[in-house]
Amino acid sequence: MKLINGEKGSVYKIEKINLNKNVKRRLESIGMTENSTISILNKKKNGAVIIRIRGTRFAMGKIFAEGIQIGGAINEL
C-alpha cells in the first residue's frame, strides 16, 4: 500500500521508498528509512500528508507520498 492510501491516525512500517536517489537520500537524512515506523497525523484534500517520524512532524506532498510503500497498520495513535 502507498503512504497516500494510509488512514489518518494510524501507524505503519515503511517497506520501500520508490523515489529518485536524491529524494531518497534526503528522506533518509531525516530518519525515514525502510523498516522504520511512520504515523499519519493528517491528510489534506490536495494529497499532502502530515506525518510523524522519529518524533518530528513533516508535511509531504502527494508525489512523494505516492512513492513510499507501507505495510499494514501496526496500531492507531
Protein backbone atom coordinates (compact mmCIF):
# COMPACT_ATOMS: atom_id res chain seq x y z
CA MET A 1 0.00 0.00 0.00
CA LYS A 2 1.19 3.55 -0.66
CA LEU A 3 1.57 6.12 2.10
CA ILE A 4 -1.04 8.32 0.45
CA ASN A 5 -3.60 5.50 0.97
CA GLY A 6 -2.91 5.17 4.70
CA GLU A 7 -5.50 6.10 7.30
CA LYS A 8 -5.25 9.22 9.42
CA GLY A 9 -4.32 8.34 13.00
CA SER A 10 -2.61 5.04 12.16
CA VAL A 11 0.99 3.87 12.49
CA TYR A 12 2.69 1.97 9.67
CA LYS A 13 6.02 0.37 8.88
CA ILE A 14 7.86 1.66 5.80
CA GLU A 15 8.58 -1.22 3.43
CA LYS A 16 10.20 0.52 0.47
CA ILE A 17 10.95 4.03 -0.77
CA ASN A 18 10.47 4.24 -4.55
CA LEU A 19 11.74 7.74 -5.26
CA ASN A 20 14.75 9.08 -7.12
CA LYS A 21 18.13 8.76 -5.46
CA ASN A 22 18.43 12.40 -4.32
CA VAL A 23 14.99 12.48 -2.70
CA LYS A 24 15.53 9.09 -1.09
CA ARG A 25 18.86 10.25 0.37
CA ARG A 26 17.19 13.41 1.71
CA LEU A 27 14.42 11.38 3.39
CA GLU A 28 17.00 9.02 4.89
CA SER A 29 18.82 12.01 6.40
CA ILE A 30 15.69 12.89 8.39
CA GLY A 31 15.30 9.31 9.56
CA MET A 32 12.83 7.94 7.03
CA THR A 33 14.37 4.58 6.23
CA GLU A 34 12.96 1.20 5.32
CA ASN A 35 11.58 -0.69 8.35
CA SER A 36 11.07 2.50 10.38
CA THR A 37 7.62 3.39 11.70
CA ILE A 38 5.62 6.35 10.48
CA SER A 39 2.45 7.93 11.91
CA ILE A 40 -0.09 9.68 9.71
CA LEU A 41 -1.28 12.74 11.61
CA ASN A 42 -3.42 14.38 8.95
CA LYS A 43 -4.30 14.22 5.26
CA LYS A 44 -5.17 17.23 3.12
CA LYS A 45 -7.56 17.36 0.17
CA ASN A 46 -4.75 18.25 -2.24
CA GLY A 47 -2.98 14.98 -1.41
CA ALA A 48 -0.46 16.33 1.09
CA VAL A 49 0.16 14.14 4.14
CA ILE A 50 1.35 15.29 7.56
CA ILE A 51 3.41 12.57 9.22
CA ARG A 52 5.45 11.95 12.35
CA ILE A 53 8.69 10.05 12.08
CA ARG A 54 11.17 9.66 14.92
CA GLY A 55 9.33 12.30 16.97
CA THR A 56 9.34 15.03 14.30
CA ARG A 57 6.38 16.23 12.23
CA PHE A 58 6.73 16.68 8.48
CA ALA A 59 4.43 17.67 5.63
CA MET A 60 4.88 15.65 2.47
CA GLY A 61 3.42 16.33 -0.97
CA LYS A 62 1.28 13.90 -2.93
CA ILE A 63 4.05 12.85 -5.35
CA PHE A 64 6.42 11.87 -2.52
CA ALA A 65 3.65 10.12 -0.56
CA GLU A 66 2.84 8.01 -3.61
CA GLY A 67 6.47 6.81 -3.80
CA ILE A 68 6.57 5.35 -0.27
CA GLN A 69 5.32 1.79 0.26
CA ILE A 70 3.98 0.94 3.71
CA GLY A 71 2.82 -2.28 5.34
CA GLY A 72 -0.43 -2.86 7.17
CA ALA A 73 -1.29 -0.70 10.16
CA ILE A 74 0.67 -1.53 13.30
CA ASN A 75 -1.73 0.34 15.60
CA GLU A 76 -3.56 3.61 15.99
CA LEU A 77 -2.31 6.77 17.69
